[in-house]
Amino acid sequence: MQLSDSVRAQAKSEGGMRVAFNDYFIGDVVLKKDGGFILTAEDHSTQSRGNPWNRYDYLYGYPSFTPYDSYYSYSPYSYGYYGRSRYYNNVSQVRYYYQNIMVLDMNNSGQLIWSNVVHKSQFDDDNDNYLSYSIMLTGGMLHFLFNELERRNQLINDQTVAPDGTVTRNPPLRSLDRGYEFMPRYAKQVSSYQIIVPCSYRSFICFAKIEY
């Protein structure tokens, strides 16, 4: 499938259309009853001192001080909930960027029906546990849940994508206890109306249940 210039224009946040999808990574594939599917991709990049595109930190992380620890070199579980380490590249700081989400609706022949963008802008230093998003599927709607900074507080935003591609920005989830930091990227939908979201409170890991 070849994406048109109009789709590339939707996706790009900066730069030319030729490189619009260079930093996009496929996130979710939602199957439809007719054999088609909805595909999501997120604009993600990192910056570190001495390396503007730190791809190693993104793909694997490295919690060990030695490059001879083969288990941690290839284990996708090496960074857990505590962030990817910066020691492997000998840099003092890595900044993670998680930007817009591209949503593509494809038919069972692989042809594009519609496309749209869920707009967001997120970044953090040395830790991306609280960035990115999760999807909640309920009532034929796709709910995109992610943190956004509002008046120095991280609030979970909820933007929905309708079956026709219309994006609606809903009010943030405000009835949350203070001091809890939510990690939507690790959330799991457990029923047609419930999703479990890991969160941290001081030095503890806990879980919140959100019902629709």
N, C-alpha and C. Protein backbone atom coordinates (compact mmCIF):
# COMPACT_ATOMS: atom_id res chain seq x y z
N MET A 1 0.84 -1.20 0.00
CA MET A 1 0.00 0.00 0.00
C MET A 1 0.88 1.24 0.00
N GLN A 2 0.58 2.17 -0.86
CA GLN A 2 1.31 3.43 -0.93
C GLN A 2 0.43 4.55 -0.40
N LEU A 3 0.95 5.27 0.60
CA LEU A 3 0.19 6.35 1.22
C LEU A 3 0.32 7.62 0.39
N SER A 4 -0.79 8.30 0.23
CA SER A 4 -0.81 9.51 -0.60
C SER A 4 -0.19 10.69 0.13
N ASP A 5 0.04 11.76 -0.62
CA ASP A 5 0.60 12.98 -0.03
C ASP A 5 -0.34 13.60 0.99
N SER A 6 -1.65 13.43 0.80
CA SER A 6 -2.60 14.00 1.75
C SER A 6 -2.48 13.30 3.11
N VAL A 7 -2.25 11.97 3.11
CA VAL A 7 -2.04 11.24 4.36
C VAL A 7 -0.71 11.66 5.00
N ARG A 8 0.31 11.82 4.19
CA ARG A 8 1.61 12.25 4.70
C ARG A 8 1.52 13.65 5.31
N ALA A 9 0.71 14.51 4.69
CA ALA A 9 0.54 15.86 5.22
C ALA A 9 -0.14 15.83 6.59
N GLN A 10 -1.06 14.87 6.79
CA GLN A 10 -1.69 14.71 8.10
C GLN A 10 -0.68 14.28 9.15
N ALA A 11 0.22 13.39 8.75
CA ALA A 11 1.11 12.75 9.71
C ALA A 11 2.27 13.63 10.15
N LYS A 12 2.79 14.46 9.27
CA LYS A 12 4.03 15.15 9.58
C LYS A 12 3.81 16.27 10.60
N SER A 13 4.74 16.35 11.54
CA SER A 13 4.73 17.45 12.51
C SER A 13 5.74 18.52 12.13
N GLU A 14 6.80 18.10 11.43
CA GLU A 14 7.77 19.05 10.90
C GLU A 14 8.54 18.36 9.79
N GLY A 15 9.23 19.17 8.98
CA GLY A 15 9.96 18.60 7.86
C GLY A 15 9.07 18.37 6.66
N GLY A 16 9.65 17.82 5.59
CA GLY A 16 8.92 17.60 4.37
C GLY A 16 8.09 16.34 4.41
N MET A 17 7.19 16.21 3.42
CA MET A 17 6.31 15.05 3.37
C MET A 17 7.06 13.77 3.06
N ARG A 18 8.20 13.89 2.43
CA ARG A 18 8.97 12.70 2.08
C ARG A 18 9.41 11.93 3.31
N VAL A 19 9.65 12.62 4.41
CA VAL A 19 10.12 11.97 5.63
C VAL A 19 9.04 11.95 6.70
N ALA A 20 7.77 12.10 6.30
CA ALA A 20 6.67 12.23 7.26
C ALA A 20 6.56 11.02 8.18
N PHE A 21 6.85 9.81 7.67
CA PHE A 21 6.66 8.59 8.46
C PHE A 21 7.97 8.00 8.98
N ASN A 22 9.05 8.75 8.89
CA ASN A 22 10.35 8.21 9.30
C ASN A 22 10.39 7.81 10.77
N ASP A 23 9.67 8.53 11.64
CA ASP A 23 9.71 8.26 13.07
C ASP A 23 8.45 7.58 13.58
N TYR A 24 7.63 7.05 12.68
CA TYR A 24 6.40 6.38 13.09
C TYR A 24 6.65 4.88 13.28
N PHE A 25 6.07 4.35 14.36
CA PHE A 25 6.19 2.93 14.66
C PHE A 25 4.78 2.36 14.86
N ILE A 26 4.53 1.21 14.24
CA ILE A 26 3.21 0.58 14.34
C ILE A 26 2.93 0.19 15.79
N GLY A 27 1.72 0.54 16.25
CA GLY A 27 1.36 0.24 17.63
C GLY A 27 0.32 -0.85 17.76
N ASP A 28 -0.84 -0.70 17.12
CA ASP A 28 -1.94 -1.64 17.28
C ASP A 28 -2.56 -1.96 15.93
N VAL A 29 -3.09 -3.19 15.83
CA VAL A 29 -3.88 -3.60 14.68
C VAL A 29 -5.20 -4.15 15.22
N VAL A 30 -6.30 -3.47 14.92
CA VAL A 30 -7.63 -3.87 15.41
C VAL A 30 -8.40 -4.49 14.25
N LEU A 31 -8.74 -5.76 14.38
CA LEU A 31 -9.44 -6.47 13.31
C LEU A 31 -10.92 -6.12 13.30
N LYS A 32 -11.50 -6.07 12.09
CA LYS A 32 -12.92 -5.80 11.92
C LYS A 32 -13.64 -7.04 11.40
N LYS A 33 -14.94 -7.07 11.58
CA LYS A 33 -15.73 -8.24 11.20
C LYS A 33 -15.69 -8.51 9.70
N ASP A 34 -15.54 -7.47 8.89
CA ASP A 34 -15.56 -7.63 7.45
C ASP A 34 -14.21 -8.06 6.87
N GLY A 35 -13.24 -8.34 7.75
CA GLY A 35 -11.93 -8.75 7.28
C GLY A 35 -10.94 -7.62 7.16
N GLY A 36 -11.40 -6.38 7.31
CA GLY A 36 -10.51 -5.23 7.30
C GLY A 36 -9.86 -5.04 8.66
N PHE A 37 -9.15 -3.95 8.81
CA PHE A 37 -8.49 -3.69 10.09
C PHE A 37 -8.19 -2.20 10.23
N ILE A 38 -8.01 -1.79 11.48
CA ILE A 38 -7.59 -0.43 11.80
C ILE A 38 -6.17 -0.50 12.33
N LEU A 39 -5.28 0.26 11.76
CA LEU A 39 -3.87 0.27 12.14
C LEU A 39 -3.53 1.61 12.78
N THR A 40 -2.79 1.56 13.89
CA THR A 40 -2.31 2.80 14.52
C THR A 40 -0.79 2.81 14.51
N ALA A 41 -0.23 3.98 14.37
CA ALA A 41 1.22 4.17 14.41
C ALA A 41 1.51 5.46 15.15
N GLU A 42 2.57 5.45 15.95
CA GLU A 42 2.89 6.60 16.80
C GLU A 42 4.23 7.21 16.40
N ASP A 43 4.26 8.52 16.40
CA ASP A 43 5.48 9.27 16.10
C ASP A 43 6.36 9.27 17.35
N HIS A 44 7.48 8.57 17.28
CA HIS A 44 8.35 8.43 18.47
C HIS A 44 9.81 8.59 18.09
N SER A 45 10.54 9.36 18.89
CA SER A 45 11.98 9.51 18.68
C SER A 45 12.64 9.81 20.02
N THR A 46 13.96 9.72 20.04
CA THR A 46 14.72 10.07 21.24
C THR A 46 15.86 10.99 20.86
N GLN A 47 16.34 11.74 21.83
CA GLN A 47 17.51 12.57 21.67
C GLN A 47 18.41 12.37 22.87
N SER A 48 19.71 12.28 22.62
CA SER A 48 20.67 12.17 23.71
C SER A 48 21.92 12.95 23.34
N ARG A 49 22.70 13.28 24.33
CA ARG A 49 23.93 14.03 24.09
C ARG A 49 24.89 13.18 23.27
N GLY A 50 25.20 13.66 22.07
CA GLY A 50 26.12 12.95 21.20
C GLY A 50 25.46 12.03 20.21
N ASN A 51 24.10 11.83 20.30
CA ASN A 51 23.41 10.95 19.36
C ASN A 51 21.97 11.43 19.22
N PRO A 52 21.63 12.14 18.13
CA PRO A 52 20.29 12.72 18.01
C PRO A 52 19.19 11.70 17.83
N TRP A 53 19.51 10.46 17.37
CA TRP A 53 18.46 9.44 17.21
C TRP A 53 18.98 8.17 17.85
N ASN A 54 18.70 8.04 19.14
CA ASN A 54 19.24 6.95 19.94
C ASN A 54 18.36 5.72 19.80
N ARG A 55 18.50 4.99 18.68
CA ARG A 55 17.61 3.88 18.39
C ARG A 55 17.85 2.69 19.33
N TYR A 56 19.08 2.52 19.80
CA TYR A 56 19.36 1.39 20.70
C TYR A 56 18.55 1.54 21.99
N ASP A 57 18.52 2.72 22.56
CA ASP A 57 17.75 2.93 23.79
C ASP A 57 16.28 2.64 23.56
N TYR A 58 15.76 2.99 22.38
CA TYR A 58 14.33 2.78 22.13
C TYR A 58 13.99 1.29 22.06
N LEU A 59 14.78 0.54 21.31
CA LEU A 59 14.41 -0.84 21.03
C LEU A 59 14.66 -1.79 22.20
N TYR A 60 15.75 -1.59 22.95
CA TYR A 60 16.11 -2.59 23.94
C TYR A 60 16.26 -2.05 25.35
N GLY A 61 16.86 -0.87 25.51
CA GLY A 61 17.23 -0.44 26.85
C GLY A 61 18.45 -1.22 27.29
N TYR A 62 19.05 -0.83 28.42
CA TYR A 62 20.21 -1.56 28.89
C TYR A 62 20.44 -1.27 30.36
N PRO A 63 19.95 -2.13 31.26
CA PRO A 63 20.04 -1.85 32.69
C PRO A 63 21.37 -2.26 33.30
N SER A 64 22.25 -2.91 32.53
CA SER A 64 23.50 -3.42 33.08
C SER A 64 24.65 -2.50 32.73
N PHE A 65 25.71 -2.56 33.53
CA PHE A 65 26.88 -1.74 33.26
C PHE A 65 27.85 -2.43 32.30
N THR A 66 27.67 -3.70 32.02
CA THR A 66 28.60 -4.43 31.18
C THR A 66 27.95 -4.86 29.88
N PRO A 67 28.64 -4.71 28.73
CA PRO A 67 28.07 -5.14 27.45
C PRO A 67 28.11 -6.65 27.27
N TYR A 68 28.67 -7.39 28.25
CA TYR A 68 28.77 -8.83 28.12
C TYR A 68 27.60 -9.56 28.75
N ASP A 69 26.65 -8.83 29.29
CA ASP A 69 25.49 -9.45 29.90
C ASP A 69 24.47 -9.74 28.80
N SER A 70 24.55 -10.92 28.18
CA SER A 70 23.75 -11.22 26.99
C SER A 70 22.26 -11.28 27.30
N TYR A 71 21.89 -11.66 28.52
CA TYR A 71 20.46 -11.74 28.85
C TYR A 71 19.83 -10.38 28.75
N TYR A 72 20.44 -9.37 29.38
CA TYR A 72 19.85 -8.05 29.36
C TYR A 72 19.97 -7.41 27.98
N SER A 73 20.92 -7.85 27.17
CA SER A 73 21.06 -7.27 25.84
C SER A 73 19.86 -7.56 24.96
N TYR A 74 19.20 -8.73 25.17
CA TYR A 74 18.15 -9.14 24.28
C TYR A 74 16.80 -9.30 24.95
N SER A 75 16.72 -9.12 26.25
CA SER A 75 15.45 -9.31 26.95
C SER A 75 14.57 -8.09 26.82
N PRO A 76 13.32 -8.23 26.33
CA PRO A 76 12.40 -7.08 26.25
C PRO A 76 11.89 -6.67 27.61
N TYR A 77 12.20 -7.48 28.66
CA TYR A 77 11.71 -7.17 30.00
C TYR A 77 12.76 -6.49 30.86
N SER A 78 13.90 -6.15 30.25
CA SER A 78 15.02 -5.68 31.05
C SER A 78 14.76 -4.35 31.73
N TYR A 79 13.90 -3.49 31.15
CA TYR A 79 13.71 -2.17 31.74
C TYR A 79 12.49 -2.10 32.63
N GLY A 80 11.58 -3.07 32.55
CA GLY A 80 10.42 -3.12 33.46
C GLY A 80 9.69 -1.80 33.54
N TYR A 81 9.30 -1.42 34.77
CA TYR A 81 8.58 -0.17 34.99
C TYR A 81 9.50 0.96 35.40
N TYR A 82 10.81 0.76 35.34
CA TYR A 82 11.71 1.74 35.93
C TYR A 82 12.54 2.50 34.92
N GLY A 83 12.17 2.40 33.65
CA GLY A 83 12.82 3.24 32.65
C GLY A 83 14.05 2.60 32.07
N ARG A 84 14.40 2.97 30.85
CA ARG A 84 15.58 2.44 30.19
C ARG A 84 16.81 3.17 30.68
N SER A 85 17.87 2.44 30.85
CA SER A 85 19.10 3.03 31.38
C SER A 85 19.85 3.78 30.30
N ARG A 86 20.65 4.75 30.68
CA ARG A 86 21.43 5.53 29.73
C ARG A 86 22.90 5.15 29.73
N TYR A 87 23.31 4.14 30.52
CA TYR A 87 24.72 3.88 30.70
C TYR A 87 25.39 3.28 29.46
N TYR A 88 24.62 2.52 28.68
CA TYR A 88 25.24 1.84 27.55
C TYR A 88 25.87 2.82 26.58
N ASN A 89 25.29 3.95 26.38
CA ASN A 89 25.78 4.92 25.41
C ASN A 89 26.62 6.02 26.04
N ASN A 90 26.87 5.92 27.35
CA ASN A 90 27.72 6.90 28.03
C ASN A 90 27.24 8.33 27.81
N VAL A 91 25.95 8.56 27.95
CA VAL A 91 25.41 9.89 27.85
C VAL A 91 24.76 10.25 29.17
N SER A 92 24.65 11.53 29.42
CA SER A 92 24.13 11.96 30.71
C SER A 92 22.61 12.03 30.73
N GLN A 93 21.99 12.12 29.55
CA GLN A 93 20.55 12.26 29.54
C GLN A 93 19.97 11.84 28.19
N VAL A 94 18.84 11.14 28.25
CA VAL A 94 18.10 10.77 27.05
C VAL A 94 16.71 11.37 27.18
N ARG A 95 16.28 12.08 26.17
CA ARG A 95 14.93 12.64 26.16
C ARG A 95 14.07 11.85 25.17
N TYR A 96 12.91 11.41 25.66
CA TYR A 96 11.98 10.62 24.85
C TYR A 96 10.84 11.51 24.37
N TYR A 97 10.52 11.40 23.09
CA TYR A 97 9.41 12.14 22.49
C TYR A 97 8.38 11.14 21.97
N TYR A 98 7.13 11.34 22.37
CA TYR A 98 6.01 10.57 21.84
C TYR A 98 4.98 11.58 21.35
N GLN A 99 4.79 11.63 20.04
CA GLN A 99 3.95 12.66 19.45
C GLN A 99 2.66 12.06 18.87
N ASN A 100 2.23 12.54 17.74
CA ASN A 100 0.92 12.20 17.19
C ASN A 100 0.75 10.70 16.91
N ILE A 101 -0.52 10.28 16.88
CA ILE A 101 -0.89 8.91 16.55
C ILE A 101 -1.64 8.94 15.22
N MET A 102 -1.16 8.19 14.26
CA MET A 102 -1.83 8.06 12.96
C MET A 102 -2.78 6.87 13.01
N VAL A 103 -4.01 7.06 12.56
CA VAL A 103 -5.02 6.00 12.54
C VAL A 103 -5.45 5.77 11.10
N LEU A 104 -5.29 4.52 10.62
CA LEU A 104 -5.63 4.17 9.24
C LEU A 104 -6.67 3.05 9.25
N ASP A 105 -7.75 3.24 8.52
CA ASP A 105 -8.80 2.23 8.38
C ASP A 105 -8.65 1.59 7.01
N MET A 106 -8.41 0.26 7.00
CA MET A 106 -8.16 -0.47 5.76
C MET A 106 -9.27 -1.49 5.52
N ASN A 107 -9.63 -1.72 4.27
CA ASN A 107 -10.62 -2.75 3.96
C ASN A 107 -9.92 -4.10 3.80
N ASN A 108 -10.70 -5.15 3.49
CA ASN A 108 -10.12 -6.49 3.42
C ASN A 108 -9.24 -6.71 2.20
N SER A 109 -9.15 -5.71 1.34
CA SER A 109 -8.23 -5.78 0.20
C SER A 109 -6.97 -4.96 0.43
N GLY A 110 -6.86 -4.37 1.61
CA GLY A 110 -5.69 -3.56 1.93
C GLY A 110 -5.74 -2.15 1.40
N GLN A 111 -6.94 -1.70 0.99
CA GLN A 111 -7.10 -0.34 0.49
C GLN A 111 -7.51 0.60 1.62
N LEU A 112 -7.01 1.82 1.57
CA LEU A 112 -7.29 2.80 2.61
C LEU A 112 -8.71 3.34 2.48
N ILE A 113 -9.49 3.28 3.56
CA ILE A 113 -10.84 3.84 3.59
C ILE A 113 -10.80 5.27 4.11
N TRP A 114 -10.19 5.47 5.26
CA TRP A 114 -10.01 6.82 5.80
C TRP A 114 -8.77 6.85 6.69
N SER A 115 -8.29 8.03 6.97
CA SER A 115 -7.15 8.22 7.86
C SER A 115 -7.40 9.47 8.70
N ASN A 116 -6.86 9.49 9.91
CA ASN A 116 -6.96 10.66 10.76
C ASN A 116 -5.82 10.62 11.77
N VAL A 117 -5.68 11.71 12.51
CA VAL A 117 -4.57 11.84 13.46
C VAL A 117 -5.12 12.22 14.83
N VAL A 118 -4.67 11.50 15.85
CA VAL A 118 -4.92 11.88 17.24
C VAL A 118 -3.72 12.72 17.67
N HIS A 119 -3.96 13.99 17.93
CA HIS A 119 -2.86 14.91 18.21
C HIS A 119 -2.48 14.88 19.69
N LYS A 120 -1.19 14.75 19.94
CA LYS A 120 -0.66 14.84 21.29
C LYS A 120 0.82 15.21 21.21
N SER A 121 1.35 15.68 22.32
CA SER A 121 2.77 16.04 22.39
C SER A 121 3.27 15.68 23.78
N GLN A 122 4.18 14.70 23.85
CA GLN A 122 4.70 14.22 25.13
C GLN A 122 6.22 14.11 25.07
N PHE A 123 6.86 14.39 26.19
CA PHE A 123 8.30 14.12 26.30
C PHE A 123 8.66 13.97 27.77
N ASP A 124 9.76 13.29 28.01
CA ASP A 124 10.28 13.13 29.37
C ASP A 124 11.75 12.76 29.26
N ASP A 125 12.48 12.97 30.35
CA ASP A 125 13.91 12.70 30.37
C ASP A 125 14.21 11.42 31.13
N ASP A 126 14.96 10.51 30.48
CA ASP A 126 15.48 9.27 31.08
C ASP A 126 14.41 8.27 31.47
N ASN A 127 13.16 8.54 31.19
CA ASN A 127 12.09 7.63 31.61
C ASN A 127 10.87 7.87 30.71
N ASP A 128 10.43 6.82 30.01
CA ASP A 128 9.26 6.98 29.15
C ASP A 128 8.08 6.13 29.61
N ASN A 129 8.10 5.72 30.88
CA ASN A 129 7.01 4.88 31.40
C ASN A 129 5.66 5.58 31.40
N TYR A 130 5.66 6.90 31.50
CA TYR A 130 4.40 7.64 31.61
C TYR A 130 3.98 8.25 30.28
N LEU A 131 4.69 7.90 29.22
CA LEU A 131 4.39 8.44 27.90
C LEU A 131 3.68 7.39 27.05
N SER A 132 3.39 7.74 25.80
CA SER A 132 2.69 6.89 24.85
C SER A 132 1.21 6.75 25.23
N TYR A 133 0.54 5.69 24.80
CA TYR A 133 -0.92 5.62 24.90
C TYR A 133 -1.37 4.17 25.02
N SER A 134 -2.66 3.98 25.26
CA SER A 134 -3.30 2.68 25.14
C SER A 134 -4.67 2.88 24.49
N ILE A 135 -5.24 1.78 24.00
CA ILE A 135 -6.54 1.84 23.32
C ILE A 135 -7.56 1.09 24.15
N MET A 136 -8.74 1.70 24.28
CA MET A 136 -9.90 1.06 24.90
C MET A 136 -10.99 0.99 23.83
N LEU A 137 -11.43 -0.23 23.50
CA LEU A 137 -12.45 -0.42 22.48
C LEU A 137 -13.78 -0.68 23.15
N THR A 138 -14.74 0.22 22.96
CA THR A 138 -16.05 0.06 23.58
C THR A 138 -17.11 0.75 22.73
N GLY A 139 -18.22 0.08 22.54
CA GLY A 139 -19.34 0.67 21.81
C GLY A 139 -19.02 1.07 20.39
N GLY A 140 -18.10 0.37 19.75
CA GLY A 140 -17.71 0.72 18.39
C GLY A 140 -16.77 1.89 18.30
N MET A 141 -16.36 2.44 19.42
CA MET A 141 -15.45 3.59 19.46
C MET A 141 -14.08 3.15 19.96
N LEU A 142 -13.05 3.79 19.42
CA LEU A 142 -11.69 3.58 19.91
C LEU A 142 -11.33 4.74 20.83
N HIS A 143 -11.09 4.43 22.10
CA HIS A 143 -10.65 5.44 23.06
C HIS A 143 -9.13 5.41 23.15
N PHE A 144 -8.49 6.54 22.89
CA PHE A 144 -7.05 6.67 23.03
C PHE A 144 -6.77 7.37 24.35
N LEU A 145 -6.11 6.67 25.27
CA LEU A 145 -5.82 7.20 26.60
C LEU A 145 -4.34 7.52 26.71
N PHE A 146 -4.02 8.74 27.14
CA PHE A 146 -2.63 9.13 27.29
C PHE A 146 -2.53 10.32 28.24
N ASN A 147 -1.36 10.48 28.84
CA ASN A 147 -1.12 11.59 29.76
C ASN A 147 -0.79 12.87 29.00
N GLU A 148 -1.30 13.96 29.52
CA GLU A 148 -0.87 15.28 29.03
C GLU A 148 -0.76 16.22 30.22
N LEU A 149 0.24 17.10 30.13
CA LEU A 149 0.51 18.04 31.22
C LEU A 149 -0.48 19.19 31.18
N GLU A 150 -1.18 19.41 32.30
CA GLU A 150 -2.12 20.52 32.41
C GLU A 150 -1.96 21.16 33.78
N ARG A 151 -1.49 22.40 33.79
CA ARG A 151 -1.26 23.14 35.04
C ARG A 151 -0.36 22.33 35.99
N ARG A 152 0.74 21.83 35.43
CA ARG A 152 1.77 21.10 36.16
C ARG A 152 1.29 19.74 36.67
N ASN A 153 0.13 19.31 36.25
CA ASN A 153 -0.37 17.99 36.63
C ASN A 153 -0.56 17.13 35.39
N GLN A 154 -0.18 15.85 35.50
CA GLN A 154 -0.39 14.91 34.42
C GLN A 154 -1.82 14.36 34.52
N LEU A 155 -2.64 14.64 33.51
CA LEU A 155 -4.01 14.16 33.48
C LEU A 155 -4.19 13.19 32.32
N ILE A 156 -4.99 12.16 32.55
CA ILE A 156 -5.26 11.21 31.47
C ILE A 156 -6.28 11.81 30.51
N ASN A 157 -5.86 11.96 29.27
CA ASN A 157 -6.75 12.46 28.23
C ASN A 157 -7.41 11.29 27.51
N ASP A 158 -8.61 11.53 27.03
CA ASP A 158 -9.38 10.52 26.33
C ASP A 158 -9.88 11.12 25.02
N GLN A 159 -9.33 10.65 23.91
CA GLN A 159 -9.81 11.06 22.60
C GLN A 159 -10.38 9.83 21.90
N THR A 160 -11.56 9.98 21.33
CA THR A 160 -12.22 8.85 20.69
C THR A 160 -12.20 9.00 19.18
N VAL A 161 -12.10 7.84 18.52
CA VAL A 161 -12.17 7.79 17.06
C VAL A 161 -13.41 6.96 16.69
N ALA A 162 -14.34 7.57 15.96
CA ALA A 162 -15.59 6.92 15.57
C ALA A 162 -15.36 6.01 14.37
N PRO A 163 -16.32 5.12 14.07
CA PRO A 163 -16.18 4.23 12.90
C PRO A 163 -15.98 4.96 11.59
N ASP A 164 -16.40 6.22 11.50
CA ASP A 164 -16.20 6.98 10.25
C ASP A 164 -14.92 7.79 10.26
N GLY A 165 -14.11 7.66 11.34
CA GLY A 165 -12.84 8.36 11.41
C GLY A 165 -12.87 9.69 12.15
N THR A 166 -14.02 10.11 12.61
CA THR A 166 -14.12 11.38 13.33
C THR A 166 -13.44 11.28 14.70
N VAL A 167 -12.57 12.25 14.99
CA VAL A 167 -11.86 12.29 16.27
C VAL A 167 -12.55 13.29 17.19
N THR A 168 -12.87 12.85 18.41
CA THR A 168 -13.50 13.72 19.41
C THR A 168 -12.61 13.79 20.64
N ARG A 169 -12.34 15.00 21.08
CA ARG A 169 -11.54 15.21 22.28
C ARG A 169 -12.47 15.32 23.48
N ASN A 170 -12.43 14.35 24.38
CA ASN A 170 -13.27 14.33 25.56
C ASN A 170 -12.60 15.04 26.72
N PRO A 171 -13.36 15.44 27.74
CA PRO A 171 -12.75 16.07 28.92
C PRO A 171 -11.76 15.11 29.58
N PRO A 172 -10.64 15.62 30.14
CA PRO A 172 -9.68 14.76 30.84
C PRO A 172 -10.34 14.06 32.03
N LEU A 173 -9.77 12.92 32.42
CA LEU A 173 -10.27 12.19 33.58
C LEU A 173 -9.75 12.88 34.84
N ARG A 174 -10.61 13.66 35.47
CA ARG A 174 -10.17 14.51 36.58
C ARG A 174 -10.40 13.89 37.95
N SER A 175 -11.26 12.90 38.05
CA SER A 175 -11.58 12.35 39.38
C SER A 175 -10.54 11.32 39.80
N LEU A 176 -9.26 11.75 39.81
CA LEU A 176 -8.15 10.89 40.15
C LEU A 176 -7.46 11.42 41.40
N ASP A 177 -7.04 10.52 42.28
CA ASP A 177 -6.38 10.93 43.52
C ASP A 177 -5.03 11.56 43.22
N ARG A 178 -4.68 12.59 43.97
CA ARG A 178 -3.41 13.26 43.78
C ARG A 178 -2.26 12.38 44.22
N GLY A 179 -1.13 12.55 43.56
CA GLY A 179 0.06 11.80 43.92
C GLY A 179 0.26 10.55 43.10
N TYR A 180 -0.76 10.12 42.37
CA TYR A 180 -0.66 8.93 41.54
C TYR A 180 -0.24 9.33 40.13
N GLU A 181 0.73 8.63 39.60
CA GLU A 181 1.19 8.86 38.24
C GLU A 181 0.83 7.63 37.40
N PHE A 182 0.08 7.85 36.34
CA PHE A 182 -0.48 6.74 35.58
C PHE A 182 0.40 6.40 34.38
N MET A 183 0.43 5.11 34.04
CA MET A 183 1.23 4.60 32.93
C MET A 183 0.29 3.96 31.89
N PRO A 184 -0.38 4.78 31.10
CA PRO A 184 -1.37 4.24 30.15
C PRO A 184 -0.80 3.25 29.15
N ARG A 185 0.47 3.37 28.80
CA ARG A 185 1.05 2.50 27.78
C ARG A 185 1.03 1.03 28.19
N TYR A 186 0.94 0.76 29.51
CA TYR A 186 0.92 -0.62 30.00
C TYR A 186 -0.49 -1.08 30.36
N ALA A 187 -1.49 -0.28 30.05
CA ALA A 187 -2.87 -0.61 30.43
C ALA A 187 -3.39 -1.81 29.63
N LYS A 188 -4.34 -2.53 30.24
CA LYS A 188 -4.96 -3.68 29.60
C LYS A 188 -6.48 -3.60 29.75
N GLN A 189 -7.18 -3.77 28.63
CA GLN A 189 -8.64 -3.84 28.69
C GLN A 189 -9.03 -5.23 29.17
N VAL A 190 -9.89 -5.28 30.21
CA VAL A 190 -10.24 -6.56 30.83
C VAL A 190 -11.71 -6.94 30.59
N SER A 191 -12.50 -6.02 30.08
CA SER A 191 -13.89 -6.32 29.73
C SER A 191 -14.35 -5.30 28.70
N SER A 192 -15.61 -5.38 28.32
CA SER A 192 -16.13 -4.45 27.31
C SER A 192 -16.24 -3.03 27.82
N TYR A 193 -16.12 -2.82 29.14
CA TYR A 193 -16.25 -1.47 29.69
C TYR A 193 -15.22 -1.15 30.76
N GLN A 194 -14.22 -2.00 30.98
CA GLN A 194 -13.22 -1.78 32.01
C GLN A 194 -11.80 -1.89 31.45
N ILE A 195 -10.93 -1.05 31.97
CA ILE A 195 -9.51 -1.12 31.62
C ILE A 195 -8.69 -0.92 32.90
N ILE A 196 -7.62 -1.67 33.04
CA ILE A 196 -6.74 -1.58 34.21
C ILE A 196 -5.48 -0.82 33.80
N VAL A 197 -5.16 0.23 34.57
CA VAL A 197 -4.02 1.08 34.25
C VAL A 197 -3.01 1.02 35.40
N PRO A 198 -1.77 0.57 35.17
CA PRO A 198 -0.75 0.63 36.23
C PRO A 198 -0.42 2.07 36.57
N CYS A 199 -0.07 2.30 37.81
CA CYS A 199 0.32 3.63 38.23
C CYS A 199 1.33 3.51 39.37
N SER A 200 2.00 4.61 39.65
CA SER A 200 2.97 4.64 40.74
C SER A 200 2.53 5.68 41.76
N TYR A 201 2.78 5.35 43.02
CA TYR A 201 2.50 6.29 44.11
C TYR A 201 3.70 6.23 45.06
N ARG A 202 4.47 7.32 45.08
CA ARG A 202 5.74 7.34 45.81
C ARG A 202 6.62 6.20 45.29
N SER A 203 6.95 5.22 46.10
CA SER A 203 7.81 4.13 45.65
C SER A 203 7.02 2.85 45.39
N PHE A 204 5.70 2.95 45.30
CA PHE A 204 4.85 1.77 45.14
C PHE A 204 4.27 1.70 43.72
N ILE A 205 4.06 0.47 43.25
CA ILE A 205 3.34 0.21 42.01
C ILE A 205 1.94 -0.26 42.37
N CYS A 206 0.94 0.36 41.79
CA CYS A 206 -0.44 -0.02 42.06
C CYS A 206 -1.22 0.00 40.74
N PHE A 207 -2.53 -0.29 40.82
CA PHE A 207 -3.33 -0.42 39.61
C PHE A 207 -4.66 0.30 39.80
N ALA A 208 -5.07 1.01 38.75
CA ALA A 208 -6.35 1.72 38.78
C ALA A 208 -7.29 1.08 37.78
N LYS A 209 -8.57 1.06 38.12
CA LYS A 209 -9.60 0.53 37.22
C LYS A 209 -10.45 1.67 36.70
N ILE A 210 -10.57 1.77 35.39
CA ILE A 210 -11.38 2.79 34.76
C ILE A 210 -12.57 2.10 34.09
N GLU A 211 -13.75 2.60 34.38
CA GLU A 211 -14.98 2.03 33.80
C GLU A 211 -15.66 3.05 32.90
N TYR A 212 -16.20 2.57 31.79
CA TYR A 212 -16.94 3.43 30.84
C TYR A 212 -18.42 3.07 30.90
